[in-house]
Amino acid sequence: MSRIEILETLKTMIVENLEHTLPDEIHESDRIYEDLGIDSIMVLQLVVYMEEEFHVEVPGEDVDPAVFETIGSLITFIEELQAAQTA
């Protein structure tokens, strides 16, 4: 999956699964909490959906909060999880 495909998948998950309204365009530089208005409870729900959609396992205790800083950092994290799973 390309970064753009991951971005679009995340956007769909947030809108449909979390029932949260997003701007028409979101960018990798958008901050998850400040710019997109996603709260910590939504992030926890998003992690569950990410595991299902991207077929990855998110290690709860080892996750750096910086992963959820921006959409770009979250995409990088998903890519790293996918790469580790295939290694």
C-alpha atoms as a PDB file:
ATOM      1  CA  MET A   1       0.000   0.000   0.000  1.00  0.00           C
ATOM      2  CA  SER A   2       1.270   3.458  -0.847  1.00  0.00           C
ATOM      3  CA  ARG A   3       1.258   6.317   1.649  1.00  0.00           C
ATOM      4  CA  ILE A   4      -1.636   7.895  -0.274  1.00  0.00           C
ATOM      5  CA  GLU A   5      -3.652   4.669  -0.063  1.00  0.00           C
ATOM      6  CA  ILE A   6      -2.975   4.426   3.676  1.00  0.00           C
ATOM      7  CA  LEU A   7      -4.011   8.076   4.077  1.00  0.00           C
ATOM      8  CA  GLU A   8      -7.273   7.489   2.216  1.00  0.00           C
ATOM      9  CA  THR A   9      -7.967   4.336   4.235  1.00  0.00           C
ATOM     10  CA  LEU A  10      -7.355   6.206   7.495  1.00  0.00           C
ATOM     11  CA  LYS A  11      -9.653   9.001   6.368  1.00  0.00           C
ATOM     12  CA  THR A  12     -12.417   6.519   5.546  1.00  0.00           C
ATOM     13  CA  MET A  13     -11.958   4.746   8.879  1.00  0.00           C
ATOM     14  CA  ILE A  14     -12.197   8.004  10.816  1.00  0.00           C
ATOM     15  CA  VAL A  15     -15.289   9.211   8.962  1.00  0.00           C
ATOM     16  CA  GLU A  16     -17.181   5.912   8.771  1.00  0.00           C
ATOM     17  CA  ASN A  17     -16.089   3.964  11.853  1.00  0.00           C
ATOM     18  CA  LEU A  18     -15.536   6.822  14.290  1.00  0.00           C
ATOM     19  CA  GLU A  19     -18.322   8.908  12.741  1.00  0.00           C
ATOM     20  CA  HIS A  20     -16.076  11.961  12.900  1.00  0.00           C
ATOM     21  CA  THR A  21     -16.229  14.753  10.340  1.00  0.00           C
ATOM     22  CA  LEU A  22     -12.959  15.620   8.609  1.00  0.00           C
ATOM     23  CA  PRO A  23     -12.037  18.356   6.150  1.00  0.00           C
ATOM     24  CA  ASP A  24     -12.401  17.390   2.478  1.00  0.00           C
ATOM     25  CA  GLU A  25      -8.628  17.230   2.192  1.00  0.00           C
ATOM     26  CA  ILE A  26      -6.294  16.013   4.882  1.00  0.00           C
ATOM     27  CA  HIS A  27      -2.522  16.086   4.645  1.00  0.00           C
ATOM     28  CA  GLU A  28       0.319  14.226   6.295  1.00  0.00           C
ATOM     29  CA  SER A  29       1.219  17.386   8.201  1.00  0.00           C
ATOM     30  CA  ASP A  30      -2.236  17.613   9.846  1.00  0.00           C
ATOM     31  CA  ARG A  31      -2.014  17.120  13.600  1.00  0.00           C
ATOM     32  CA  ILE A  32      -4.375  14.405  14.794  1.00  0.00           C
ATOM     33  CA  TYR A  33      -5.537  16.084  17.992  1.00  0.00           C
ATOM     34  CA  GLU A  34      -5.239  19.797  17.229  1.00  0.00           C
ATOM     35  CA  ASP A  35      -6.067  20.028  13.525  1.00  0.00           C
ATOM     36  CA  LEU A  36      -8.478  17.119  13.082  1.00  0.00           C
ATOM     37  CA  GLY A  37     -10.188  17.256  16.489  1.00  0.00           C
ATOM     38  CA  ILE A  38      -9.673  13.578  17.264  1.00  0.00           C
ATOM     39  CA  ASP A  39      -9.569  12.847  20.996  1.00  0.00           C
ATOM     40  CA  SER A  40      -7.728  10.133  22.922  1.00  0.00           C
ATOM     41  CA  ILE A  41     -10.755   7.818  23.059  1.00  0.00           C
ATOM     42  CA  MET A  42     -11.092   8.022  19.273  1.00  0.00           C
ATOM     43  CA  VAL A  43      -7.388   7.228  18.917  1.00  0.00           C
ATOM     44  CA  LEU A  44      -7.865   4.048  20.960  1.00  0.00           C
ATOM     45  CA  GLN A  45     -10.771   3.051  18.726  1.00  0.00           C
ATOM     46  CA  LEU A  46      -8.720   3.927  15.655  1.00  0.00           C
ATOM     47  CA  VAL A  47      -5.942   1.578  16.803  1.00  0.00           C
ATOM     48  CA  VAL A  48      -8.420  -1.321  16.857  1.00  0.00           C
ATOM     49  CA  TYR A  49      -9.638  -0.474  13.349  1.00  0.00           C
ATOM     50  CA  MET A  50      -6.027  -0.097  12.130  1.00  0.00           C
ATOM     51  CA  GLU A  51      -5.179  -3.576  13.377  1.00  0.00           C
ATOM     52  CA  GLU A  52      -8.150  -5.018  11.508  1.00  0.00           C
ATOM     53  CA  GLU A  53      -7.787  -3.027   8.300  1.00  0.00           C
ATOM     54  CA  PHE A  54      -3.991  -3.155   7.910  1.00  0.00           C
ATOM     55  CA  HIS A  55      -3.534  -6.632   9.443  1.00  0.00           C
ATOM     56  CA  VAL A  56      -1.004  -5.426  12.002  1.00  0.00           C
ATOM     57  CA  GLU A  57      -0.634  -5.732  15.746  1.00  0.00           C
ATOM     58  CA  VAL A  58      -0.078  -2.491  17.627  1.00  0.00           C
ATOM     59  CA  PRO A  59       2.061  -3.069  20.743  1.00  0.00           C
ATOM     60  CA  GLY A  60       0.133  -1.099  23.372  1.00  0.00           C
ATOM     61  CA  GLU A  61       2.838  -0.408  25.919  1.00  0.00           C
ATOM     62  CA  ASP A  62       5.599   0.372  23.420  1.00  0.00           C
ATOM     63  CA  VAL A  63       3.811   2.988  21.353  1.00  0.00           C
ATOM     64  CA  ASP A  64       5.455   6.397  21.444  1.00  0.00           C
ATOM     65  CA  PRO A  65       2.855   9.184  21.733  1.00  0.00           C
ATOM     66  CA  ALA A  66       4.669  10.915  18.861  1.00  0.00           C
ATOM     67  CA  VAL A  67       3.181   8.233  16.568  1.00  0.00           C
ATOM     68  CA  PHE A  68      -0.166   9.996  16.961  1.00  0.00           C
ATOM     69  CA  GLU A  69       1.235  13.501  16.445  1.00  0.00           C
ATOM     70  CA  THR A  70       0.370  13.852  12.748  1.00  0.00           C
ATOM     71  CA  ILE A  71      -1.285  11.827  10.020  1.00  0.00           C
ATOM     72  CA  GLY A  72       2.171  11.407   8.455  1.00  0.00           C
ATOM     73  CA  SER A  73       3.696   9.971  11.633  1.00  0.00           C
ATOM     74  CA  LEU A  74       0.774   7.552  11.893  1.00  0.00           C
ATOM     75  CA  ILE A  75       1.246   6.437   8.276  1.00  0.00           C
ATOM     76  CA  THR A  76       4.960   5.852   8.931  1.00  0.00           C
ATOM     77  CA  PHE A  77       4.070   3.789  12.000  1.00  0.00           C
ATOM     78  CA  ILE A  78       1.657   1.626   9.980  1.00  0.00           C
ATOM     79  CA  GLU A  79       4.324   1.100   7.306  1.00  0.00           C
ATOM     80  CA  GLU A  80       6.844   0.072   9.981  1.00  0.00           C
ATOM     81  CA  LEU A  81       4.379  -2.404  11.515  1.00  0.00           C
ATOM     82  CA  GLN A  82       3.638  -3.901   8.099  1.00  0.00           C
ATOM     83  CA  ALA A  83       7.349  -4.191   7.298  1.00  0.00           C
ATOM     84  CA  ALA A  84       8.104  -5.846  10.648  1.00  0.00           C
ATOM     85  CA  GLN A  85       5.337  -8.342  10.095  1.00  0.00           C
ATOM     86  CA  THR A  86       6.692  -9.465   6.736  1.00  0.00           C
ATOM     87  CA  ALA A  87      10.298  -9.674   7.983  1.00  0.00           C
END
